Amino acid sequence: MSNKTEKTMAEAADKLILPTEVKVCATCSYWDGERQVDEEMQLVVVDCQCEGECLVQETARAGLRPAQQAGECLWEKLDPDA
């Protein structure tokens, strides 16, 4: 196996792929963290330890924080623009 392939596999091991229906901060349109959104497959790809800012509550939130713990969150799922 080449070094490039090993590096790519190691980087992929630190990623998590979630359906957009899963209600965690990383799948909320009000969460401003680093993620990749595949609109065709309806998937969100984030680092396992990712953090971002909740634009509603103006505070830092882990990407994998369940929406049920968000209290007054205005949670909205990611959908492609019409």
C-alpha atoms as a PDB file:
ATOM      1  CA  MET A   1       0.000   0.000   0.000  1.00  0.00           C
ATOM      2  CA  SER A   2       1.384   3.449  -0.887  1.00  0.00           C
ATOM      3  CA  ASN A   3       2.010   6.183   1.673  1.00  0.00           C
ATOM      4  CA  LYS A   4      -0.659   8.327  -0.016  1.00  0.00           C
ATOM      5  CA  THR A   5      -3.251   5.550   0.317  1.00  0.00           C
ATOM      6  CA  GLU A   6      -2.317   4.972   3.963  1.00  0.00           C
ATOM      7  CA  LYS A   7      -2.617   8.699   4.696  1.00  0.00           C
ATOM      8  CA  THR A   8      -6.026   8.893   2.988  1.00  0.00           C
ATOM      9  CA  MET A   9      -7.254   5.870   4.952  1.00  0.00           C
ATOM     10  CA  ALA A  10      -5.986   7.355   8.224  1.00  0.00           C
ATOM     11  CA  GLU A  11      -7.751  10.646   7.489  1.00  0.00           C
ATOM     12  CA  ALA A  12     -10.972   8.808   6.618  1.00  0.00           C
ATOM     13  CA  ALA A  13     -10.827   6.924   9.919  1.00  0.00           C
ATOM     14  CA  ASP A  14     -11.223  10.258  11.734  1.00  0.00           C
ATOM     15  CA  LYS A  15     -14.353  11.184   9.742  1.00  0.00           C
ATOM     16  CA  LEU A  16     -17.954  10.429  10.516  1.00  0.00           C
ATOM     17  CA  ILE A  17     -20.682  10.222   7.862  1.00  0.00           C
ATOM     18  CA  LEU A  18     -24.206  11.056   9.022  1.00  0.00           C
ATOM     19  CA  PRO A  19     -27.546  11.124   7.220  1.00  0.00           C
ATOM     20  CA  THR A  20     -28.886  14.685   7.206  1.00  0.00           C
ATOM     21  CA  GLU A  21     -31.956  13.448   9.130  1.00  0.00           C
ATOM     22  CA  VAL A  22     -29.824  12.709  12.208  1.00  0.00           C
ATOM     23  CA  LYS A  23     -30.396  15.614  14.577  1.00  0.00           C
ATOM     24  CA  VAL A  24     -26.934  16.607  15.751  1.00  0.00           C
ATOM     25  CA  CYS A  25     -25.445  20.087  15.516  1.00  0.00           C
ATOM     26  CA  ALA A  26     -23.322  19.160  12.477  1.00  0.00           C
ATOM     27  CA  THR A  27     -26.493  18.496  10.458  1.00  0.00           C
ATOM     28  CA  CYS A  28     -28.177  21.760  11.494  1.00  0.00           C
ATOM     29  CA  SER A  29     -28.153  24.692   9.069  1.00  0.00           C
ATOM     30  CA  TYR A  30     -27.495  27.026  12.043  1.00  0.00           C
ATOM     31  CA  TRP A  31     -24.224  25.269  12.978  1.00  0.00           C
ATOM     32  CA  ASP A  32     -21.134  27.000  11.593  1.00  0.00           C
ATOM     33  CA  GLY A  33     -18.442  24.337  11.765  1.00  0.00           C
ATOM     34  CA  GLU A  34     -16.271  22.536   9.267  1.00  0.00           C
ATOM     35  CA  ARG A  35     -18.241  19.896   7.383  1.00  0.00           C
ATOM     36  CA  GLN A  36     -18.896  18.579   3.911  1.00  0.00           C
ATOM     37  CA  VAL A  37     -22.481  18.209   2.748  1.00  0.00           C
ATOM     38  CA  ASP A  38     -23.350  15.805  -0.056  1.00  0.00           C
ATOM     39  CA  GLU A  39     -26.764  17.079  -1.126  1.00  0.00           C
ATOM     40  CA  GLU A  40     -27.306  14.278  -3.631  1.00  0.00           C
ATOM     41  CA  MET A  41     -26.696  11.507  -1.093  1.00  0.00           C
ATOM     42  CA  GLN A  42     -28.148  13.569   1.818  1.00  0.00           C
ATOM     43  CA  LEU A  43     -25.015  13.008   3.924  1.00  0.00           C
ATOM     44  CA  VAL A  44     -22.898  15.206   6.161  1.00  0.00           C
ATOM     45  CA  VAL A  45     -19.218  14.354   6.667  1.00  0.00           C
ATOM     46  CA  VAL A  46     -17.467  15.753   9.743  1.00  0.00           C
ATOM     47  CA  ASP A  47     -14.385  15.070  11.823  1.00  0.00           C
ATOM     48  CA  CYS A  48     -15.202  13.021  14.917  1.00  0.00           C
ATOM     49  CA  GLN A  49     -13.960  15.791  17.237  1.00  0.00           C
ATOM     50  CA  CYS A  50     -15.325  18.750  15.236  1.00  0.00           C
ATOM     51  CA  GLU A  51     -16.561  21.925  16.888  1.00  0.00           C
ATOM     52  CA  GLY A  52     -18.294  24.977  15.505  1.00  0.00           C
ATOM     53  CA  GLU A  53     -20.462  27.875  16.547  1.00  0.00           C
ATOM     54  CA  CYS A  54     -24.207  27.675  17.007  1.00  0.00           C
ATOM     55  CA  LEU A  55     -25.401  30.756  15.120  1.00  0.00           C
ATOM     56  CA  VAL A  56     -28.636  30.811  17.143  1.00  0.00           C
ATOM     57  CA  GLN A  57     -27.114  30.626  20.615  1.00  0.00           C
ATOM     58  CA  GLU A  58     -23.790  32.265  19.634  1.00  0.00           C
ATOM     59  CA  THR A  59     -21.796  29.664  21.516  1.00  0.00           C
ATOM     60  CA  ALA A  60     -19.355  26.856  20.698  1.00  0.00           C
ATOM     61  CA  ARG A  61     -20.967  23.472  20.063  1.00  0.00           C
ATOM     62  CA  ALA A  62     -19.535  20.060  19.317  1.00  0.00           C
ATOM     63  CA  GLY A  63     -20.724  18.834  15.927  1.00  0.00           C
ATOM     64  CA  LEU A  64     -21.987  15.583  17.407  1.00  0.00           C
ATOM     65  CA  ARG A  65     -24.060  17.255  20.133  1.00  0.00           C
ATOM     66  CA  PRO A  66     -27.611  15.828  19.946  1.00  0.00           C
ATOM     67  CA  ALA A  67     -30.287  18.412  19.122  1.00  0.00           C
ATOM     68  CA  GLN A  68     -32.367  17.156  22.064  1.00  0.00           C
ATOM     69  CA  GLN A  69     -29.716  18.690  24.359  1.00  0.00           C
ATOM     70  CA  ALA A  70     -29.828  22.054  22.595  1.00  0.00           C
ATOM     71  CA  GLY A  71     -32.631  23.568  24.669  1.00  0.00           C
ATOM     72  CA  GLU A  72     -33.903  26.643  22.843  1.00  0.00           C
ATOM     73  CA  CYS A  73     -32.253  25.708  19.538  1.00  0.00           C
ATOM     74  CA  LEU A  74     -34.018  26.664  16.305  1.00  0.00           C
ATOM     75  CA  TRP A  75     -32.849  23.408  14.745  1.00  0.00           C
ATOM     76  CA  GLU A  76     -33.337  23.123  11.017  1.00  0.00           C
ATOM     77  CA  LYS A  77     -32.085  20.243   8.910  1.00  0.00           C
ATOM     78  CA  LEU A  78     -29.882  20.789   5.887  1.00  0.00           C
ATOM     79  CA  ASP A  79     -31.864  20.613   2.680  1.00  0.00           C
ATOM     80  CA  PRO A  80     -30.745  21.586  -0.785  1.00  0.00           C
ATOM     81  CA  ASP A  81     -31.998  24.995  -1.918  1.00  0.00           C
ATOM     82  CA  ALA A  82     -35.076  24.721  -4.145  1.00  0.00           C
END
